[in-house]
Amino acid sequence: MEKQKNAVGRRKEAVTRVFITKGEGKITVNDKDYKVYFPLVYLQNQVEAPLKAIESLDKFDVKINATGGGLKGQAEAAKLGVARVLLEINPEFRPALKVAGYLKRDPRGVERKKFGHKKARRSYQFSKR
């Protein structure tokens, strides 16, 4: 691998740009350590998951720029971005990443609000009197 590779991951309103270089396994999100940025362990696991699937957690340095959405959306967007950039590095990683389901973009988003309703499905409270 020459210099760095990059890819984009998206989930709900969150967008992450992922940059990978050869290194010793340092993961940063918005210039902070990912364990500081994502305080919940299951969100940290989301970011690590594609690297664990190909057993190369300590072979690459990962830099992630995350914008929009919430922490969970950003973590899941980062997961997709990391998986995509690993595929760019080595196409032989595809079977392991595909079986684990890391190459699918989750299409679910917020349902739009309908007229005559308070939210997408929630109605206004009915008052008999």
Protein backbone atom coordinates (compact mmCIF):
# COMPACT_ATOMS: atom_id res chain seq x y z
CA MET A 1 0.00 0.00 0.00
CA GLU A 2 1.45 3.36 -1.00
CA LYS A 3 0.24 6.29 1.12
CA GLN A 4 -3.28 6.59 2.50
CA LYS A 5 -6.61 5.35 1.19
CA ASN A 6 -9.98 6.87 1.98
CA ALA A 7 -13.70 6.09 1.76
CA VAL A 8 -17.03 7.51 2.91
CA GLY A 9 -19.56 5.90 5.26
CA ARG A 10 -23.12 7.10 5.87
CA ARG A 11 -25.93 6.25 8.27
CA LYS A 12 -29.08 8.33 8.91
CA GLU A 13 -27.79 11.93 8.89
CA ALA A 14 -24.21 11.00 9.85
CA VAL A 15 -21.38 11.11 7.33
CA THR A 16 -17.83 9.93 8.03
CA ARG A 17 -14.69 10.22 5.92
CA VAL A 18 -12.26 7.43 6.79
CA PHE A 19 -8.51 7.58 6.04
CA ILE A 20 -6.28 4.52 6.55
CA THR A 21 -2.49 4.26 6.54
CA LYS A 22 -0.13 1.48 7.56
CA GLY A 23 0.59 1.79 11.28
CA GLU A 24 0.22 0.28 14.72
CA GLY A 25 -3.55 0.40 15.26
CA LYS A 26 -4.23 3.98 16.35
CA ILE A 27 -7.85 5.04 15.72
CA THR A 28 -8.81 8.72 15.97
CA VAL A 29 -12.20 10.36 15.43
CA ASN A 30 -12.23 14.16 14.91
CA ASP A 31 -8.66 14.35 16.30
CA LYS A 32 -9.61 12.54 19.53
CA ASP A 33 -8.95 8.94 20.50
CA TYR A 34 -12.01 6.89 19.51
CA LYS A 35 -12.41 5.62 23.09
CA VAL A 36 -12.79 9.23 24.25
CA TYR A 37 -15.07 10.26 21.37
CA PHE A 38 -17.30 7.17 21.70
CA PRO A 39 -17.57 6.62 25.49
CA LEU A 40 -19.88 3.59 25.17
CA VAL A 41 -18.12 0.27 24.62
CA TYR A 42 -20.60 -1.02 22.05
CA LEU A 43 -19.98 2.07 19.89
CA GLN A 44 -16.22 1.50 20.16
CA ASN A 45 -16.81 -2.11 19.06
CA GLN A 46 -18.75 -0.85 16.01
CA VAL A 47 -15.72 1.14 14.85
CA GLU A 48 -13.29 -1.75 15.46
CA ALA A 49 -15.55 -4.45 13.98
CA PRO A 50 -14.34 -4.47 10.33
CA LEU A 51 -10.69 -4.51 11.46
CA LYS A 52 -11.41 -7.41 13.82
CA ALA A 53 -13.21 -9.30 11.03
CA ILE A 54 -10.02 -9.38 8.96
CA GLU A 55 -7.78 -9.75 12.04
CA SER A 56 -5.71 -6.63 11.40
CA LEU A 57 -6.60 -4.37 14.34
CA ASP A 58 -2.92 -3.48 14.94
CA LYS A 59 -1.77 -3.15 11.31
CA PHE A 60 -3.49 0.10 10.26
CA ASP A 61 -3.87 3.64 11.61
CA VAL A 62 -7.41 4.93 11.08
CA LYS A 63 -8.37 8.62 11.01
CA ILE A 64 -12.10 9.40 10.89
CA ASN A 65 -13.83 12.75 10.28
CA ALA A 66 -17.42 12.47 11.51
CA THR A 67 -20.17 15.04 10.95
CA GLY A 68 -23.93 15.13 11.44
CA GLY A 69 -26.30 12.80 13.25
CA GLY A 70 -25.71 11.40 16.71
CA LEU A 71 -23.00 9.23 18.22
CA LYS A 72 -24.63 5.94 17.25
CA GLY A 73 -25.17 7.02 13.63
CA GLN A 74 -21.58 8.24 13.43
CA ALA A 75 -20.23 4.97 14.86
CA GLU A 76 -22.22 2.92 12.34
CA ALA A 77 -21.20 5.25 9.50
CA ALA A 78 -17.57 4.80 10.59
CA LYS A 79 -18.04 1.01 10.48
CA LEU A 80 -19.19 1.18 6.85
CA GLY A 81 -16.42 3.62 5.94
CA VAL A 82 -13.70 1.44 7.49
CA ALA A 83 -15.05 -1.65 5.71
CA ARG A 84 -15.13 0.17 2.36
CA VAL A 85 -11.58 1.48 2.69
CA LEU A 86 -10.28 -1.97 3.70
CA LEU A 87 -11.86 -3.34 0.52
CA GLU A 88 -10.03 -0.65 -1.45
CA ILE A 89 -6.72 -1.73 0.14
CA ASN A 90 -7.17 -5.44 -0.53
CA PRO A 91 -10.12 -6.97 -2.46
CA GLU A 92 -9.38 -10.35 -0.79
CA PHE A 93 -10.95 -8.98 2.42
CA ARG A 94 -14.36 -8.98 0.68
CA PRO A 95 -15.64 -12.45 1.75
CA ALA A 96 -14.90 -11.86 5.47
CA LEU A 97 -16.47 -8.37 5.44
CA LYS A 98 -19.48 -9.47 3.37
CA VAL A 99 -20.32 -12.45 5.62
CA ALA A 100 -20.20 -10.17 8.67
CA GLY A 101 -22.55 -7.69 6.88
CA TYR A 102 -20.20 -4.69 7.04
CA LEU A 103 -20.54 -3.71 3.38
CA LYS A 104 -24.28 -2.91 3.51
CA ARG A 105 -25.45 0.66 3.83
CA ASP A 106 -28.37 0.82 6.28
CA PRO A 107 -31.06 2.76 4.37
CA ARG A 108 -33.31 3.54 7.34
CA GLY A 109 -33.83 7.21 8.09
CA VAL A 110 -36.35 9.46 9.82
CA GLU A 111 -39.89 9.16 8.49
CA ARG A 112 -41.38 12.45 7.36
CA LYS A 113 -44.04 14.24 9.40
CA LYS A 114 -47.58 13.94 8.00
CA PHE A 115 -50.16 16.73 8.03
CA GLY A 116 -52.84 16.39 10.70
CA HIS A 117 -50.35 14.61 12.96
CA LYS A 118 -47.98 15.82 15.65
CA LYS A 119 -45.10 13.68 14.32
CA ALA A 120 -44.80 11.04 11.60
CA ARG A 121 -47.36 8.71 13.19
CA ARG A 122 -48.28 10.32 16.51
CA SER A 123 -51.65 12.08 16.38
CA TYR A 124 -52.76 15.09 18.36
CA GLN A 125 -54.41 14.18 21.66
CA PHE A 126 -58.16 13.66 21.29
CA SER A 127 -60.37 15.67 23.63
CA LYS A 128 -64.05 14.75 23.87
CA ARG A 129 -64.97 17.95 25.72
